[in-house]
Protein backbone atom coordinates (compact mmCIF):
# COMPACT_ATOMS: atom_id res chain seq x y z
CA MET A 1 0.00 0.00 0.00
CA ASP A 2 1.65 3.20 -1.21
CA ASN A 3 -0.35 5.86 0.63
CA ILE A 4 -1.63 4.57 3.94
CA GLU A 5 -2.43 8.12 5.12
CA GLU A 6 -5.55 8.03 2.93
CA LEU A 7 -6.98 4.96 4.68
CA GLU A 8 -9.32 4.95 7.67
CA THR A 9 -7.35 4.85 10.92
CA ILE A 10 -8.63 2.97 13.97
CA GLU A 11 -7.11 3.74 17.34
CA LEU A 12 -6.69 0.74 19.63
CA PHE A 13 -6.85 0.79 23.42
CA VAL A 14 -5.89 -1.41 26.33
CA ASP A 15 -7.92 -1.88 29.50
CA SER A 16 -5.65 -1.32 32.51
CA GLU A 17 -7.67 -3.56 34.81
CA GLY A 18 -9.61 -6.04 32.64
CA ASP A 19 -8.61 -8.66 30.11
CA GLY A 20 -6.41 -7.98 27.12
CA GLY A 21 -3.04 -6.34 26.76
CA ILE A 22 0.35 -7.67 25.70
CA ASN A 23 0.87 -11.41 26.10
CA ALA A 24 4.40 -11.77 24.76
CA ILE A 25 7.28 -10.16 22.90
CA SER A 26 8.40 -11.96 19.77
CA PHE A 27 11.69 -11.93 17.89
CA VAL A 28 10.87 -11.44 14.21
CA GLU A 29 12.32 -10.86 10.80
CA PHE A 30 9.23 -10.03 8.74
CA PRO A 31 5.95 -9.51 10.63
CA ALA A 32 2.39 -10.39 9.81
CA ILE A 33 -0.65 -8.59 11.17
CA GLU A 34 -3.55 -10.81 12.14
CA GLU A 35 -7.13 -9.85 12.86
CA ASN A 36 -7.46 -8.44 16.40
CA PHE A 37 -4.52 -10.52 17.53
CA ILE A 38 -1.88 -7.85 17.07
CA ALA A 39 1.35 -9.28 15.69
CA LEU A 40 3.08 -6.12 14.57
CA ASN A 41 5.59 -7.44 12.10
CA GLU A 42 5.02 -4.91 9.32
CA HIS A 43 5.47 -2.40 12.13
CA LYS A 44 9.16 -3.21 11.86
CA VAL A 45 11.21 -2.14 14.87
CA GLU A 46 14.98 -2.42 14.68
CA MET A 47 16.83 -4.25 17.41
CA LYS A 48 20.46 -3.66 18.38
CA THR A 49 23.02 -5.93 20.01
CA VAL A 50 24.50 -3.81 22.80
CA ASP A 51 26.67 -6.26 24.72
CA GLU A 52 27.84 -9.50 23.14
CA ASP A 53 29.49 -10.73 26.34
CA LYS A 54 26.27 -10.34 28.31
CA ARG A 55 24.14 -11.18 25.28
CA LEU A 56 22.02 -8.06 25.63
CA VAL A 57 19.80 -6.64 22.88
CA VAL A 58 17.73 -3.47 23.00
CA GLY A 59 14.90 -2.27 20.81
CA LEU A 60 11.52 -0.57 20.63
CA ALA A 61 8.59 -2.83 21.36
CA LEU A 62 5.89 -0.30 20.46
CA ILE A 63 5.86 3.15 18.86
CA PRO A 64 2.97 5.58 19.47
CA ASN A 65 1.05 7.46 16.77
CA LYS A 66 2.51 5.32 14.00
CA LEU A 67 0.14 4.24 11.24
CA ILE A 68 0.27 0.46 10.91
CA TYR A 69 -1.27 -0.91 7.73
CA ARG A 70 -3.68 -3.82 7.96
CA ARG A 71 -5.85 -5.72 5.51
CA ASN A 72 -8.79 -7.89 6.54
CA ARG A 73 -11.18 -9.58 4.11
CA GLY A 74 -10.41 -7.04 1.45
CA PHE A 75 -10.80 -4.04 3.76
CA GLU A 76 -7.66 -1.90 4.07
CA TYR A 77 -7.14 0.36 7.05
CA ASN A 78 -4.60 1.49 9.65
CA ILE A 79 -4.35 0.92 13.36
CA THR A 80 -2.49 3.18 15.77
CA PHE A 81 -1.73 3.49 19.48
CA SER A 82 -1.58 6.72 21.47
CA GLU A 83 1.26 7.51 23.88
CA GLU A 84 -1.14 6.83 26.76
CA THR A 85 -2.05 3.40 25.39
CA VAL A 86 1.62 2.48 24.83
CA ARG A 87 2.38 3.44 28.44
CA LYS A 88 -0.60 1.52 29.82
CA ALA A 89 0.23 -1.55 27.73
CA SER A 90 3.85 -1.60 28.92
CA GLU A 91 2.84 -1.18 32.57
CA LYS A 92 0.20 -3.90 32.37
CA TYR A 93 2.70 -6.24 30.72
CA LEU A 94 4.99 -5.87 33.73
CA LYS A 95 2.20 -5.88 36.30
CA SER A 96 0.76 -9.13 34.93
CA MET A 97 4.21 -10.79 35.22
CA LYS A 98 4.37 -11.81 31.56
CA LEU A 99 7.92 -10.55 31.12
CA HIS A 100 9.25 -14.07 30.44
CA ASN A 101 6.69 -14.74 27.69
CA THR A 102 8.79 -14.80 24.54
CA THR A 103 8.27 -16.29 21.08
CA VAL A 104 10.06 -16.37 17.77
CA ALA A 105 8.19 -15.38 14.58
CA HIS A 106 4.95 -15.33 16.59
CA GLU A 107 4.89 -19.12 16.40
CA THR A 108 7.22 -20.87 18.83
CA GLU A 109 7.68 -20.21 22.53
CA VAL A 110 11.32 -19.89 23.54
CA ASP A 111 13.04 -20.22 26.91
CA GLY A 112 16.19 -18.56 28.16
CA VAL A 113 15.17 -14.98 27.38
CA PHE A 114 14.80 -12.40 30.16
CA LEU A 115 13.57 -8.84 30.16
CA THR A 116 16.23 -6.76 31.90
CA GLU A 117 14.90 -3.24 31.33
CA SER A 118 11.67 -1.58 30.27
CA TRP A 119 11.13 2.15 29.88
CA ILE A 120 9.17 4.85 28.08
CA VAL A 121 11.23 7.28 26.01
CA GLU A 122 10.67 10.78 27.39
CA ASP A 123 13.33 12.72 25.49
CA PRO A 124 14.50 11.01 22.25
CA GLU A 125 17.70 13.07 22.07
CA LYS A 126 18.80 12.34 25.64
CA ASP A 127 17.39 8.85 25.97
CA LYS A 128 19.89 6.01 25.82
CA THR A 129 18.11 4.57 22.78
CA ALA A 130 19.91 7.36 20.89
CA LEU A 131 23.24 5.82 21.93
CA TYR A 132 22.27 2.64 20.12
CA GLY A 133 21.13 4.46 16.98
CA LEU A 134 17.46 3.58 17.46
CA ASN A 135 15.03 6.01 15.87
CA ALA A 136 12.85 6.40 18.97
CA THR A 137 10.06 8.95 19.22
CA LYS A 138 8.65 10.42 22.41
CA GLY A 139 6.43 7.91 24.17
CA SER A 140 8.00 4.84 22.56
CA TRP A 141 8.32 1.70 24.67
CA ALA A 142 11.93 0.47 24.79
CA VAL A 143 13.03 -2.89 26.16
CA SER A 144 16.33 -4.59 26.82
CA MET A 145 16.53 -8.39 26.86
CA ARG A 146 19.21 -10.89 27.81
CA ILE A 147 19.52 -13.96 25.59
CA GLU A 148 20.73 -17.12 27.34
CA ASN A 149 19.29 -19.38 24.66
CA ASP A 150 22.26 -20.35 22.47
CA ASP A 151 20.22 -21.16 19.38
CA LEU A 152 18.32 -17.88 19.50
CA TRP A 153 21.49 -15.88 20.17
CA ASN A 154 23.23 -17.39 17.15
CA LYS A 155 20.23 -16.60 14.94
CA ILE A 156 20.20 -13.01 16.17
CA LYS A 157 23.90 -12.67 15.36
CA ASP A 158 23.27 -14.23 11.92
CA GLY A 159 20.53 -11.68 11.22
CA ASP A 160 17.62 -14.14 11.21
CA TYR A 161 15.74 -11.97 13.70
CA LEU A 162 16.00 -8.22 13.30
CA GLY A 163 13.49 -6.77 15.71
CA PHE A 164 10.81 -7.07 18.37
CA SER A 165 7.10 -7.46 17.78
CA ILE A 166 4.33 -7.58 20.35
CA GLU A 167 1.53 -10.10 20.70
CA GLY A 168 -1.67 -9.12 22.43
CA MET A 169 -5.35 -8.28 22.47
CA PHE A 170 -6.59 -4.71 22.15
CA SER A 171 -9.97 -3.03 21.91
CA GLU A 172 -11.36 -0.48 19.46
CA GLU A 173 -13.20 1.25 22.30
CA GLU A 174 -11.55 2.98 25.23
CA LYS A 175 -12.44 1.55 28.61
CA LEU A 176 -13.88 4.08 31.01
CA SER A 177 -13.48 4.25 34.75
CA ASN A 178 -16.36 3.01 36.88
CA GLU A 179 -17.18 6.60 37.79
CA GLU A 180 -17.27 7.66 34.13
CA ILE A 181 -19.43 4.67 33.23
CA ASP A 182 -21.90 5.48 36.02
CA ILE A 183 -22.12 9.12 34.90
CA LEU A 184 -22.61 8.26 31.23
CA SER A 185 -25.16 5.57 32.05
CA GLU A 186 -27.13 8.02 34.18
CA ILE A 187 -27.03 10.68 31.46
CA GLU A 188 -28.16 8.22 28.81
CA SER A 189 -30.96 6.96 31.04
CA LEU A 190 -32.14 10.52 31.62
CA VAL A 191 -31.99 11.34 27.91
CA ASP A 192 -33.93 8.23 26.98
CA LEU A 193 -36.43 8.84 29.77
CA TYR A 194 -36.95 12.42 28.59
CA GLU A 195 -37.41 11.42 24.96
CA ASP A 196 -39.67 8.51 25.81
CA TYR A 197 -41.76 10.85 27.94
CA ASP A 198 -42.08 13.55 25.31
CA LEU A 199 -41.83 11.52 22.12
CA GLU A 200 -42.89 8.21 20.72
CA SER A 201 -40.74 5.16 21.29
CA TYR A 202 -40.44 2.11 19.08
CA SER A 203 -40.09 -1.64 19.31
CA ASP A 204 -40.75 -2.72 15.72
CA TYR A 205 -37.15 -3.72 15.08
CA PRO A 206 -36.79 -7.10 13.34
CA LYS A 207 -36.56 -10.44 15.09
CA GLY A 208 -33.05 -10.79 13.70
CA ALA A 209 -31.90 -7.80 15.76
CA ARG A 210 -33.28 -9.38 18.93
CA ASN A 211 -31.64 -12.72 18.13
CA ASN A 212 -28.28 -11.10 17.43
CA ALA A 213 -28.37 -9.26 20.75
CA LYS A 214 -29.39 -12.43 22.59
CA LYS A 215 -26.51 -14.33 20.98
CA ALA A 216 -23.97 -11.72 22.07
CA LEU A 217 -25.33 -11.61 25.63
CA ALA A 218 -25.34 -15.41 25.90
CA TRP A 219 -21.73 -15.65 24.75
CA LYS A 220 -20.63 -12.97 27.20
CA LYS A 221 -22.43 -14.70 30.06
CA GLU A 222 -20.83 -18.05 29.27
CA ASN A 223 -17.34 -16.93 28.30
CA GLY A 224 -16.91 -13.42 29.70
CA SER A 225 -15.86 -10.44 27.61
CA SER A 226 -14.01 -7.16 28.14
CA CYS A 227 -15.34 -5.78 24.85
CA GLY A 228 -17.54 -2.71 24.57
CA THR A 229 -18.91 -0.36 27.18
CA SER A 230 -21.91 -0.41 29.50
CA VAL A 231 -23.82 1.56 26.86
CA GLY A 232 -23.33 -1.19 24.27
CA TRP A 233 -24.40 -3.95 26.64
CA THR A 234 -27.39 -1.91 27.81
CA ARG A 235 -28.38 -1.67 24.16
CA ALA A 236 -28.09 -5.44 23.79
CA SER A 237 -30.31 -5.99 26.81
CA GLN A 238 -32.93 -3.60 25.44
CA LEU A 239 -33.01 -5.29 22.05
CA ALA A 240 -32.97 -8.82 23.46
CA SER A 241 -35.97 -8.06 25.69
CA GLY A 242 -37.93 -6.28 22.97
CA ALA A 243 -37.99 -3.02 24.93
CA ASN A 244 -39.17 0.26 23.42
CA ILE A 245 -36.32 2.50 22.33
CA SER A 246 -36.26 6.22 21.62
CA ARG A 247 -35.21 8.11 18.51
CA SER A 248 -31.86 8.97 20.11
CA THR A 249 -31.18 5.29 20.74
CA ILE A 250 -32.13 4.45 17.15
CA ALA A 251 -29.76 7.16 15.97
CA ARG A 252 -26.94 5.58 18.00
CA MET A 253 -27.72 2.21 16.43
CA ALA A 254 -27.65 3.74 12.96
CA SER A 255 -24.30 5.41 13.62
CA PHE A 256 -22.84 2.01 14.59
CA LYS A 257 -22.76 1.32 10.83
CA ARG A 258 -19.19 2.71 10.90
CA HIS A 259 -18.07 -0.53 12.57
CA GLN A 260 -19.51 -2.78 9.87
CA GLN A 261 -16.10 -3.72 8.51
CA HIS A 262 -15.38 -5.63 11.74
CA LYS A 263 -18.66 -7.54 11.95
CA ASP A 264 -17.20 -10.88 10.84
CA VAL A 265 -14.55 -11.07 13.57
CA PRO A 266 -15.26 -14.26 15.58
CA TYR A 267 -16.35 -13.66 19.18
CA SER A 268 -13.34 -15.58 20.45
CA GLU A 269 -10.84 -13.50 18.45
CA GLY A 270 -11.81 -9.90 19.14
CA CYS A 271 -14.50 -7.33 19.79
CA GLY A 272 -15.76 -6.59 16.27
CA GLY A 273 -18.29 -9.38 15.85
CA ILE A 274 -19.70 -9.54 19.37
CA MET A 275 -20.23 -5.78 19.65
CA TRP A 276 -21.78 -5.63 16.17
CA ASP A 277 -24.34 -8.23 17.29
CA ALA A 278 -24.81 -6.52 20.66
CA TRP A 279 -26.08 -3.50 18.73
CA GLY A 280 -28.50 -5.68 16.75
CA GLY A 281 -26.15 -6.82 14.01
CA SER A 282 -26.87 -6.05 10.37
CA ALA A 283 -30.59 -6.55 10.93
CA GLY A 284 -30.68 -3.99 13.73
CA VAL A 285 -28.34 -1.40 12.22
CA ASN A 286 -30.03 -1.46 8.80
CA TRP A 287 -33.42 -1.17 10.45
CA ALA A 288 -32.21 1.78 12.52
CA ILE A 289 -30.97 3.63 9.43
CA SER A 290 -34.29 3.13 7.67
CA LYS A 291 -36.35 3.86 10.79
CA LEU A 292 -34.47 7.08 11.50
CA LYS A 293 -35.27 8.40 8.02
CA GLN A 294 -38.91 7.43 8.50
CA ILE A 295 -39.16 9.16 11.87
CA ASP A 296 -37.49 12.36 10.72
CA LYS A 297 -39.59 12.47 7.55
CA LYS A 298 -42.72 12.23 9.66
């Protein structure tokens, strides 16, 4: 892809407290980017050998605000991470004690690799990454690793592995604090209550929308899910129960059309499919678009 700046860009987030985040750091030569499971190989990050006696290598595990090209089922787009998300992801990786989780080429787990340092670059010119000739930007996540695995060390010296790449699960929606969720839920309830009091509400959405919402709720109940927000799951509960919904709620459903490109992501692999169904799926979103035009025309 020659001009990725022209593609839609989706910012990814990590939940500091819930599921998701970085599971491992992989040694790679040429990366591949998989759906929702982020294996940032095309997001090539150079790695430097800094001490051959101690077998130390240093590199950037994640760079903020960088457009990372992805292609899924014919849909081309970019993903990106903010400085805040990079910081949260690095902290959660350490907090969850996954610092020994290491793979090669995102395929094979490898022993004898230890994280010795982890830091966020604050000043690229003064940061020690500059000493190693790494092109770090402010907010980048730098790591240093010691290689005690002879086979891996020889492959690094031979140039088989040129950089780091992260493995992990991220969300397309930012997780809010409990206080923020409570405030937003209260505001939405008041808005819906006001509109339902003053205006007509509707429950003529198709059976398919109800079934999609029920399917998403059932999967979450059985398997758990950190996807979405309380607003999205409230919507699923409304649709599943056949409750009346206001024009503002229908408008929110219609606007969810922007997430259509992620609707085929399996529930077990990411948030796209389950949240699409939570909002009624194609049946619910298409109905909402048509219903909104009908309401406003009237």
